[in-house]
Amino acid sequence: MKTVRSLRPAELEMLDAARYYELQAPALGADFLNRIDSAVQDIATHPAGWPVVRHNIRRRLVHRFPYALLYRVDPDEIVVLATLHLRRHPDYWIDRV
């Protein structure tokens, strides 16, 4: 199983979303982070299990929330490029490739 590493912008997007959800309802931010962690574990276990959305970039949807993890599979690791809100500017992350 390859290790999964997130780019700093993807981490910041995840933390911003968790803070937002925590302000909406108690423990909702924690649930978001748990769903993200579950998605990361799925990616680590089955990196080719989700669709390619652009070149070699894949998208793993996050259950219950309108987010997806965009990632690429490198020879030695899996790199999460973005924690993408599905209803916002869909291509903002392209320069991270």
PDB file of N, CA and C in Angstrom:
ATOM      1  N   MET A   1       0.847  -1.176   0.000  1.00  0.00           N
ATOM      2  CA  MET A   1       0.000   0.000   0.000  1.00  0.00           C
ATOM      3  C   MET A   1       0.894   1.242   0.000  1.00  0.00           C
ATOM      4  N   LYS A   2       0.617   2.171  -0.918  1.00  0.00           N
ATOM      5  CA  LYS A   2       1.387   3.403  -1.004  1.00  0.00           C
ATOM      6  C   LYS A   2       0.931   4.403   0.051  1.00  0.00           C
ATOM      7  N   THR A   3       1.850   5.266   0.445  1.00  0.00           N
ATOM      8  CA  THR A   3       1.477   6.334   1.372  1.00  0.00           C
ATOM      9  C   THR A   3       0.728   7.426   0.607  1.00  0.00           C
ATOM     10  N   VAL A   4      -0.112   8.131   1.332  1.00  0.00           N
ATOM     11  CA  VAL A   4      -0.878   9.230   0.757  1.00  0.00           C
ATOM     12  C   VAL A   4      -0.376  10.521   1.391  1.00  0.00           C
ATOM     13  N   ARG A   5      -0.014  11.468   0.538  1.00  0.00           N
ATOM     14  CA  ARG A   5       0.470  12.769   0.991  1.00  0.00           C
ATOM     15  C   ARG A   5      -0.420  13.838   0.374  1.00  0.00           C
ATOM     16  N   SER A   6      -0.808  14.817   1.177  1.00  0.00           N
ATOM     17  CA  SER A   6      -1.623  15.926   0.671  1.00  0.00           C
ATOM     18  C   SER A   6      -0.752  17.155   0.472  1.00  0.00           C
ATOM     19  N   LEU A   7      -0.978  17.839  -0.629  1.00  0.00           N
ATOM     20  CA  LEU A   7      -0.328  19.126  -0.816  1.00  0.00           C
ATOM     21  C   LEU A   7      -0.885  20.106   0.213  1.00  0.00           C
ATOM     22  N   ARG A   8      -0.084  21.067   0.585  1.00  0.00           N
ATOM     23  CA  ARG A   8      -0.495  22.044   1.607  1.00  0.00           C
ATOM     24  C   ARG A   8      -1.825  22.727   1.253  1.00  0.00           C
ATOM     25  N   PRO A   9      -2.027  23.176   0.013  1.00  0.00           N
ATOM     26  CA  PRO A   9      -3.327  23.787  -0.303  1.00  0.00           C
ATOM     27  C   PRO A   9      -4.509  22.840  -0.080  1.00  0.00           C
ATOM     28  N   ALA A  10      -4.337  21.572  -0.377  1.00  0.00           N
ATOM     29  CA  ALA A  10      -5.413  20.593  -0.157  1.00  0.00           C
ATOM     30  C   ALA A  10      -5.698  20.436   1.330  1.00  0.00           C
ATOM     31  N   GLU A  11      -4.652  20.444   2.145  1.00  0.00           N
ATOM     32  CA  GLU A  11      -4.838  20.369   3.602  1.00  0.00           C
ATOM     33  C   GLU A  11      -5.589  21.589   4.111  1.00  0.00           C
ATOM     34  N   LEU A  12      -5.211  22.771   3.633  1.00  0.00           N
ATOM     35  CA  LEU A  12      -5.877  24.000   4.072  1.00  0.00           C
ATOM     36  C   LEU A  12      -7.341  24.014   3.657  1.00  0.00           C
ATOM     37  N   GLU A  13      -7.642  23.530   2.451  1.00  0.00           N
ATOM     38  CA  GLU A  13      -9.037  23.449   2.011  1.00  0.00           C
ATOM     39  C   GLU A  13      -9.838  22.525   2.912  1.00  0.00           C
ATOM     40  N   MET A  14      -9.237  21.397   3.284  1.00  0.00           N
ATOM     41  CA  MET A  14      -9.905  20.441   4.161  1.00  0.00           C
ATOM     42  C   MET A  14     -10.179  21.066   5.527  1.00  0.00           C
ATOM     43  N   LEU A  15      -9.181  21.733   6.090  1.00  0.00           N
ATOM     44  CA  LEU A  15      -9.348  22.340   7.415  1.00  0.00           C
ATOM     45  C   LEU A  15     -10.343  23.493   7.390  1.00  0.00           C
ATOM     46  N   ASP A  16     -10.338  24.291   6.328  1.00  0.00           N
ATOM     47  CA  ASP A  16     -11.321  25.376   6.202  1.00  0.00           C
ATOM     48  C   ASP A  16     -12.738  24.823   6.146  1.00  0.00           C
ATOM     49  N   ALA A  17     -12.924  23.766   5.378  1.00  0.00           N
ATOM     50  CA  ALA A  17     -14.251  23.150   5.283  1.00  0.00           C
ATOM     51  C   ALA A  17     -14.678  22.582   6.635  1.00  0.00           C
ATOM     52  N   ALA A  18     -13.764  21.938   7.337  1.00  0.00           N
ATOM     53  CA  ALA A  18     -14.096  21.365   8.651  1.00  0.00           C
ATOM     54  C   ALA A  18     -14.498  22.467   9.625  1.00  0.00           C
ATOM     55  N   ARG A  19     -13.782  23.587   9.600  1.00  0.00           N
ATOM     56  CA  ARG A  19     -14.142  24.719  10.483  1.00  0.00           C
ATOM     57  C   ARG A  19     -15.528  25.247  10.131  1.00  0.00           C
ATOM     58  N   TYR A  20     -15.796  25.376   8.843  1.00  0.00           N
ATOM     59  CA  TYR A  20     -17.111  25.849   8.409  1.00  0.00           C
ATOM     60  C   TYR A  20     -18.214  24.915   8.922  1.00  0.00           C
ATOM     61  N   TYR A  21     -18.043  23.614   8.725  1.00  0.00           N
ATOM     62  CA  TYR A  21     -19.070  22.660   9.149  1.00  0.00           C
ATOM     63  C   TYR A  21     -19.221  22.637  10.665  1.00  0.00           C
ATOM     64  N   GLU A  22     -18.149  22.824  11.381  1.00  0.00           N
ATOM     65  CA  GLU A  22     -18.236  22.827  12.844  1.00  0.00           C
ATOM     66  C   GLU A  22     -19.048  24.021  13.331  1.00  0.00           C
ATOM     67  N   LEU A  23     -18.959  25.137  12.618  1.00  0.00           N
ATOM     68  CA  LEU A  23     -19.767  26.309  12.974  1.00  0.00           C
ATOM     69  C   LEU A  23     -21.244  26.099  12.654  1.00  0.00           C
ATOM     70  N   GLN A  24     -21.538  25.206  11.704  1.00  0.00           N
ATOM     71  CA  GLN A  24     -22.926  24.954  11.319  1.00  0.00           C
ATOM     72  C   GLN A  24     -23.653  24.075  12.324  1.00  0.00           C
ATOM     73  N   ALA A  25     -22.942  23.098  12.884  1.00  0.00           N
ATOM     74  CA  ALA A  25     -23.556  22.175  13.854  1.00  0.00           C
ATOM     75  C   ALA A  25     -22.442  21.481  14.637  1.00  0.00           C
ATOM     76  N   PRO A  26     -22.675  21.260  15.929  1.00  0.00           N
ATOM     77  CA  PRO A  26     -21.667  20.575  16.740  1.00  0.00           C
ATOM     78  C   PRO A  26     -21.344  19.195  16.155  1.00  0.00           C
ATOM     79  N   ALA A  27     -20.066  18.889  16.082  1.00  0.00           N
ATOM     80  CA  ALA A  27     -19.527  17.602  15.622  1.00  0.00           C
ATOM     81  C   ALA A  27     -19.622  17.390  14.115  1.00  0.00           C
ATOM     82  N   LEU A  28     -20.204  18.342  13.371  1.00  0.00           N
ATOM     83  CA  LEU A  28     -20.285  18.172  11.923  1.00  0.00           C
ATOM     84  C   LEU A  28     -18.899  18.297  11.282  1.00  0.00           C
ATOM     85  N   GLY A  29     -18.070  19.172  11.815  1.00  0.00           N
ATOM     86  CA  GLY A  29     -16.703  19.298  11.320  1.00  0.00           C
ATOM     87  C   GLY A  29     -15.910  18.025  11.546  1.00  0.00           C
ATOM     88  N   ALA A  30     -16.092  17.425  12.714  1.00  0.00           N
ATOM     89  CA  ALA A  30     -15.415  16.159  13.012  1.00  0.00           C
ATOM     90  C   ALA A  30     -15.909  15.055  12.083  1.00  0.00           C
ATOM     91  N   ASP A  31     -17.203  15.046  11.788  1.00  0.00           N
ATOM     92  CA  ASP A  31     -17.736  14.046  10.857  1.00  0.00           C
ATOM     93  C   ASP A  31     -17.126  14.244   9.467  1.00  0.00           C
ATOM     94  N   PHE A  32     -16.999  15.489   9.040  1.00  0.00           N
ATOM     95  CA  PHE A  32     -16.364  15.778   7.750  1.00  0.00           C
ATOM     96  C   PHE A  32     -14.947  15.221   7.726  1.00  0.00           C
ATOM     97  N   LEU A  33     -14.173  15.475   8.761  1.00  0.00           N
ATOM     98  CA  LEU A  33     -12.794  14.973   8.815  1.00  0.00           C
ATOM     99  C   LEU A  33     -12.749  13.454   8.831  1.00  0.00           C
ATOM    100  N   ASN A  34     -13.697  12.828   9.508  1.00  0.00           N
ATOM    101  CA  ASN A  34     -13.769  11.360   9.501  1.00  0.00           C
ATOM    102  C   ASN A  34     -14.062  10.834   8.099  1.00  0.00           C
ATOM    103  N   ARG A  35     -14.948  11.507   7.371  1.00  0.00           N
ATOM    104  CA  ARG A  35     -15.268  11.086   5.999  1.00  0.00           C
ATOM    105  C   ARG A  35     -14.065  11.286   5.076  1.00  0.00           C
ATOM    106  N   ILE A  36     -13.322  12.365   5.304  1.00  0.00           N
ATOM    107  CA  ILE A  36     -12.090  12.598   4.532  1.00  0.00           C
ATOM    108  C   ILE A  36     -11.089  11.483   4.812  1.00  0.00           C
ATOM    109  N   ASP A  37     -10.913  11.157   6.085  1.00  0.00           N
ATOM    110  CA  ASP A  37      -9.978  10.088   6.457  1.00  0.00           C
ATOM    111  C   ASP A  37     -10.381   8.763   5.823  1.00  0.00           C
ATOM    112  N   SER A  38     -11.660   8.469   5.819  1.00  0.00           N
ATOM    113  CA  SER A  38     -12.150   7.242   5.191  1.00  0.00           C
ATOM    114  C   SER A  38     -11.841   7.243   3.689  1.00  0.00           C
ATOM    115  N   ALA A  39     -12.041   8.386   3.047  1.00  0.00           N
ATOM    116  CA  ALA A  39     -11.747   8.494   1.609  1.00  0.00           C
ATOM    117  C   ALA A  39     -10.256   8.295   1.348  1.00  0.00           C
ATOM    118  N   VAL A  40      -9.414   8.858   2.201  1.00  0.00           N
ATOM    119  CA  VAL A  40      -7.962   8.694   2.047  1.00  0.00           C
ATOM    120  C   VAL A  40      -7.575   7.229   2.201  1.00  0.00           C
ATOM    121  N   GLN A  41      -8.173   6.547   3.170  1.00  0.00           N
ATOM    122  CA  GLN A  41      -7.888   5.118   3.360  1.00  0.00           C
ATOM    123  C   GLN A  41      -8.317   4.311   2.142  1.00  0.00           C
ATOM    124  N   ASP A  42      -9.465   4.653   1.578  1.00  0.00           N
ATOM    125  CA  ASP A  42      -9.928   3.978   0.360  1.00  0.00           C
ATOM    126  C   ASP A  42      -8.958   4.197  -0.792  1.00  0.00           C
ATOM    127  N   ILE A  43      -8.479   5.430  -0.933  1.00  0.00           N
ATOM    128  CA  ILE A  43      -7.525   5.753  -1.994  1.00  0.00           C
ATOM    129  C   ILE A  43      -6.240   4.968  -1.800  1.00  0.00           C
ATOM    130  N   ALA A  44      -5.759   4.893  -0.567  1.00  0.00           N
ATOM    131  CA  ALA A  44      -4.515   4.161  -0.287  1.00  0.00           C
ATOM    132  C   ALA A  44      -4.670   2.681  -0.609  1.00  0.00           C
ATOM    133  N   THR A  45      -5.835   2.127  -0.325  1.00  0.00           N
ATOM    134  CA  THR A  45      -6.079   0.710  -0.538  1.00  0.00           C
ATOM    135  C   THR A  45      -6.331   0.374  -2.009  1.00  0.00           C
ATOM    136  N   HIS A  46      -7.075   1.238  -2.695  1.00  0.00           N
ATOM    137  CA  HIS A  46      -7.452   0.994  -4.093  1.00  0.00           C
ATOM    138  C   HIS A  46      -7.224   2.260  -4.916  1.00  0.00           C
ATOM    139  N   PRO A  47      -5.984   2.633  -5.188  1.00  0.00           N
ATOM    140  CA  PRO A  47      -5.718   3.907  -5.866  1.00  0.00           C
ATOM    141  C   PRO A  47      -6.331   4.029  -7.262  1.00  0.00           C
ATOM    142  N   ALA A  48      -6.523   2.939  -7.950  1.00  0.00           N
ATOM    143  CA  ALA A  48      -7.106   2.995  -9.295  1.00  0.00           C
ATOM    144  C   ALA A  48      -8.617   2.807  -9.279  1.00  0.00           C
ATOM    145  N   GLY A  49      -9.215   2.831  -8.116  1.00  0.00           N
ATOM    146  CA  GLY A  49     -10.635   2.528  -7.979  1.00  0.00           C
ATOM    147  C   GLY A  49     -11.590   3.651  -8.301  1.00  0.00           C
ATOM    148  N   TRP A  50     -11.094   4.846  -8.604  1.00  0.00           N
ATOM    149  CA  TRP A  50     -11.974   5.979  -8.881  1.00  0.00           C
ATOM    150  C   TRP A  50     -11.658   6.560 -10.236  1.00  0.00           C
ATOM    151  N   PRO A  51     -12.612   7.246 -10.817  1.00  0.00           N
ATOM    152  CA  PRO A  51     -12.466   7.675 -12.210  1.00  0.00           C
ATOM    153  C   PRO A  51     -11.397   8.750 -12.419  1.00  0.00           C
ATOM    154  N   VAL A  52     -10.813   8.701 -13.597  1.00  0.00           N
ATOM    155  CA  VAL A  52      -9.876   9.731 -14.032  1.00  0.00           C
ATOM    156  C   VAL A  52     -10.708  10.912 -14.518  1.00  0.00           C
ATOM    157  N   VAL A  53     -10.384  12.109 -14.032  1.00  0.00           N
ATOM    158  CA  VAL A  53     -11.132  13.300 -14.444  1.00  0.00           C
ATOM    159  C   VAL A  53     -10.333  14.179 -15.399  1.00  0.00           C
ATOM    160  N   ARG A  54      -9.026  14.035 -15.389  1.00  0.00           N
ATOM    161  CA  ARG A  54      -8.168  14.820 -16.281  1.00  0.00           C
ATOM    162  C   ARG A  54      -6.787  14.183 -16.287  1.00  0.00           C
ATOM    163  N   HIS A  55      -6.325  13.800 -17.445  1.00  0.00           N
ATOM    164  CA  HIS A  55      -5.015  13.160 -17.600  1.00  0.00           C
ATOM    165  C   HIS A  55      -4.859  12.024 -16.590  1.00  0.00           C
ATOM    166  N   ASN A  56      -3.976  12.165 -15.622  1.00  0.00           N
ATOM    167  CA  ASN A  56      -3.764  11.104 -14.624  1.00  0.00           C
ATOM    168  C   ASN A  56      -4.344  11.474 -13.258  1.00  0.00           C
ATOM    169  N   ILE A  57      -5.266  12.424 -13.208  1.00  0.00           N
ATOM    170  CA  ILE A  57      -5.871  12.873 -11.949  1.00  0.00           C
ATOM    171  C   ILE A  57      -7.192  12.138 -11.742  1.00  0.00           C
ATOM    172  N   ARG A  58      -7.342  11.573 -10.556  1.00  0.00           N
ATOM    173  CA  ARG A  58      -8.553  10.827 -10.206  1.00  0.00           C
ATOM    174  C   ARG A  58      -9.359  11.587  -9.162  1.00  0.00           C
ATOM    175  N   ARG A  59     -10.646  11.236  -9.060  1.00  0.00           N
ATOM    176  CA  ARG A  59     -11.540  11.910  -8.120  1.00  0.00           C
ATOM    177  C   ARG A  59     -12.249  10.886  -7.243  1.00  0.00           C
ATOM    178  N   ARG A  60     -12.095  11.059  -5.950  1.00  0.00           N
ATOM    179  CA  ARG A  60     -12.801  10.224  -4.964  1.00  0.00           C
ATOM    180  C   ARG A  60     -13.801  11.121  -4.249  1.00  0.00           C
ATOM    181  N   LEU A  61     -15.098  10.866  -4.433  1.00  0.00           N
ATOM    182  CA  LEU A  61     -16.133  11.639  -3.759  1.00  0.00           C
ATOM    183  C   LEU A  61     -16.094  11.369  -2.260  1.00  0.00           C
ATOM    184  N   VAL A  62     -16.482  12.378  -1.484  1.00  0.00           N
ATOM    185  CA  VAL A  62     -16.555  12.260  -0.028  1.00  0.00           C
ATOM    186  C   VAL A  62     -18.026  12.065   0.328  1.00  0.00           C
ATOM    187  N   HIS A  63     -18.337  10.956   0.960  1.00  0.00           N
ATOM    188  CA  HIS A  63     -19.731  10.651   1.315  1.00  0.00           C
ATOM    189  C   HIS A  63     -20.310  11.725   2.234  1.00  0.00           C
ATOM    190  N   ARG A  64     -21.565  12.061   1.995  1.00  0.00           N
ATOM    191  CA  ARG A  64     -22.387  12.965   2.779  1.00  0.00           C
ATOM    192  C   ARG A  64     -22.098  14.443   2.539  1.00  0.00           C
ATOM    193  N   PHE A  65     -20.945  14.773   2.016  1.00  0.00           N
ATOM    194  CA  PHE A  65     -20.560  16.165   1.823  1.00  0.00           C
ATOM    195  C   PHE A  65     -20.298  16.436   0.346  1.00  0.00           C
ATOM    196  N   PRO A  66     -20.512  17.692  -0.100  1.00  0.00           N
ATOM    197  CA  PRO A  66     -20.301  18.012  -1.508  1.00  0.00           C
ATOM    198  C   PRO A  66     -18.822  18.279  -1.831  1.00  0.00           C
ATOM    199  N   TYR A  67     -17.981  17.314  -1.486  1.00  0.00           N
ATOM    200  CA  TYR A  67     -16.537  17.437  -1.686  1.00  0.00           C
ATOM    201  C   TYR A  67     -15.993  16.192  -2.363  1.00  0.00           C
ATOM    202  N   ALA A  68     -14.831  16.381  -2.972  1.00  0.00           N
ATOM    203  CA  ALA A  68     -14.092  15.263  -3.556  1.00  0.00           C
ATOM    204  C   ALA A  68     -12.605  15.491  -3.308  1.00  0.00           C
ATOM    205  N   LEU A  69     -11.873  14.403  -3.244  1.00  0.00           N
ATOM    206  CA  LEU A  69     -10.417  14.477  -3.191  1.00  0.00           C
ATOM    207  C   LEU A  69      -9.902  14.216  -4.600  1.00  0.00           C
ATOM    208  N   LEU A  70      -9.108  15.130  -5.103  1.00  0.00           N
ATOM    209  CA  LEU A  70      -8.463  14.959  -6.399  1.00  0.00           C
ATOM    210  C   LEU A  70      -7.037  14.522  -6.134  1.00  0.00           C
ATOM    211  N   TYR A  71      -6.632  13.435  -6.778  1.00  0.00           N
ATOM    212  CA  TYR A  71      -5.313  12.875  -6.476  1.00  0.00           C
ATOM    213  C   TYR A  71      -4.678  12.266  -7.717  1.00  0.00           C
ATOM    214  N   ARG A  72      -3.362  12.098  -7.623  1.00  0.00           N
ATOM    215  CA  ARG A  72      -2.625  11.398  -8.676  1.00  0.00           C
ATOM    216  C   ARG A  72      -1.808  10.302  -8.010  1.00  0.00           C
ATOM    217  N   VAL A  73      -1.580   9.256  -8.765  1.00  0.00           N
ATOM    218  CA  VAL A  73      -0.793   8.127  -8.285  1.00  0.00           C
ATOM    219  C   VAL A  73       0.593   8.246  -8.895  1.00  0.00           C
ATOM    220  N   ASP A  74       1.580   8.521  -8.062  1.00  0.00           N
ATOM    221  CA  ASP A  74       2.975   8.586  -8.483  1.00  0.00           C
ATOM    222  C   ASP A  74       3.628   7.231  -8.217  1.00  0.00           C
ATOM    223  N   PRO A  75       4.818   6.998  -8.732  1.00  0.00           N
ATOM    224  CA  PRO A  75       5.465   5.695  -8.520  1.00  0.00           C
ATOM    225  C   PRO A  75       5.649   5.320  -7.040  1.00  0.00           C
ATOM    226  N   ASP A  76       5.947   6.301  -6.195  1.00  0.00           N
ATOM    227  CA  ASP A  76       6.243   5.995  -4.798  1.00  0.00           C
ATOM    228  C   ASP A  76       5.175   6.414  -3.802  1.00  0.00           C
ATOM    229  N   GLU A  77       4.208   7.211  -4.251  1.00  0.00           N
ATOM    230  CA  GLU A  77       3.195   7.720  -3.328  1.00  0.00           C
ATOM    231  C   GLU A  77       1.960   8.169  -4.093  1.00  0.00           C
ATOM    232  N   ILE A  78       0.928   8.480  -3.326  1.00  0.00           N
ATOM    233  CA  ILE A  78      -0.304   9.051  -3.861  1.00  0.00           C
ATOM    234  C   ILE A  78      -0.361  10.484  -3.346  1.00  0.00           C
ATOM    235  N   VAL A  79      -0.611  11.430  -4.236  1.00  0.00           N
ATOM    236  CA  VAL A  79      -0.598  12.839  -3.860  1.00  0.00           C
ATOM    237  C   VAL A  79      -1.997  13.424  -4.016  1.00  0.00           C
ATOM    238  N   VAL A  80      -2.563  13.920  -2.905  1.00  0.00           N
ATOM    239  CA  VAL A  80      -3.854  14.606  -2.949  1.00  0.00           C
ATOM    240  C   VAL A  80      -3.582  16.053  -3.334  1.00  0.00           C
ATOM    241  N   LEU A  81      -4.159  16.467  -4.454  1.00  0.00           N
ATOM    242  CA  LEU A  81      -3.935  17.805  -4.991  1.00  0.00           C
ATOM    243  C   LEU A  81      -4.922  18.828  -4.471  1.00  0.00           C
ATOM    244  N   ALA A  82      -6.159  18.385  -4.219  1.00  0.00           N
ATOM    245  CA  ALA A  82      -7.198  19.324  -3.804  1.00  0.00           C
ATOM    246  C   ALA A  82      -8.287  18.625  -3.019  1.00  0.00           C
ATOM    247  N   THR A  83      -8.850  19.371  -2.086  1.00  0.00           N
ATOM    248  CA  THR A  83     -10.087  18.990  -1.412  1.00  0.00           C
ATOM    249  C   THR A  83     -11.133  19.891  -2.053  1.00  0.00           C
ATOM    250  N   LEU A  84     -11.758  19.378  -3.074  1.00  0.00           N
ATOM    251  CA  LEU A  84     -12.573  20.168  -3.993  1.00  0.00           C
ATOM    252  C   LEU A  84     -14.035  20.225  -3.570  1.00  0.00           C
ATOM    253  N   HIS A  85     -14.555  21.455  -3.411  1.00  0.00           N
ATOM    254  CA  HIS A  85     -15.996  21.633  -3.223  1.00  0.00           C
ATOM    255  C   HIS A  85     -16.634  21.456  -4.595  1.00  0.00           C
ATOM    256  N   LEU A  86     -17.602  20.582  -4.706  1.00  0.00           N
ATOM    257  CA  LEU A  86     -18.164  20.199  -6.002  1.00  0.00           C
ATOM    258  C   LEU A  86     -19.027  21.271  -6.651  1.00  0.00           C
ATOM    259  N   ARG A  87     -19.422  22.281  -5.896  1.00  0.00           N
ATOM    260  CA  ARG A  87     -20.296  23.317  -6.456  1.00  0.00           C
ATOM    261  C   ARG A  87     -19.577  24.650  -6.641  1.00  0.00           C
ATOM    262  N   ARG A  88     -18.261  24.623  -6.598  1.00  0.00           N
ATOM    263  CA  ARG A  88     -17.471  25.831  -6.798  1.00  0.00           C
ATOM    264  C   ARG A  88     -16.564  25.659  -8.000  1.00  0.00           C
ATOM    265  N   HIS A  89     -15.797  26.647  -8.319  1.00  0.00           N
ATOM    266  CA  HIS A  89     -14.913  26.675  -9.481  1.00  0.00           C
ATOM    267  C   HIS A  89     -14.179  25.347  -9.654  1.00  0.00           C
ATOM    268  N   PRO A  90     -14.583  24.545 -10.623  1.00  0.00           N
ATOM    269  CA  PRO A  90     -14.056  23.183 -10.726  1.00  0.00           C
ATOM    270  C   PRO A  90     -12.603  23.061 -11.187  1.00  0.00           C
ATOM    271  N   ASP A  91     -12.040  24.086 -11.816  1.00  0.00           N
ATOM    272  CA  ASP A  91     -10.702  23.940 -12.385  1.00  0.00           C
ATOM    273  C   ASP A  91      -9.629  24.754 -11.666  1.00  0.00           C
ATOM    274  N   TYR A  92      -9.921  25.308 -10.506  1.00  0.00           N
ATOM    275  CA  TYR A  92      -8.954  26.159  -9.814  1.00  0.00           C
ATOM    276  C   TYR A  92      -7.664  25.414  -9.446  1.00  0.00           C
ATOM    277  N   TRP A  93      -7.700  24.139  -9.311  1.00  0.00           N
ATOM    278  CA  TRP A  93      -6.588  23.325  -8.812  1.00  0.00           C
ATOM    279  C   TRP A  93      -5.610  22.897  -9.900  1.00  0.00           C
ATOM    280  N   ILE A  94      -5.917  23.159 -11.152  1.00  0.00           N
ATOM    281  CA  ILE A  94      -5.137  22.602 -12.268  1.00  0.00           C
ATOM    282  C   ILE A  94      -3.651  22.969 -12.200  1.00  0.00           C
ATOM    283  N   ASP A  95      -3.312  24.147 -11.715  1.00  0.00           N
ATOM    284  CA  ASP A  95      -1.896  24.526 -11.652  1.00  0.00           C
ATOM    285  C   ASP A  95      -1.114  23.745 -10.593  1.00  0.00           C
ATOM    286  N   ARG A  96      -1.779  22.928  -9.800  1.00  0.00           N
ATOM    287  CA  ARG A  96      -1.104  22.110  -8.793  1.00  0.00           C
ATOM    288  C   ARG A  96      -0.546  20.816  -9.362  1.00  0.00           C
ATOM    289  N   VAL A  97      -0.948  20.459 -10.565  1.00  0.00           N
ATOM    290  CA  VAL A  97      -0.526  19.208 -11.176  1.00  0.00           C
ATOM    291  C   VAL A  97       0.952  19.287 -11.399  1.00  0.00           C
TER     292      VAL A  97
END
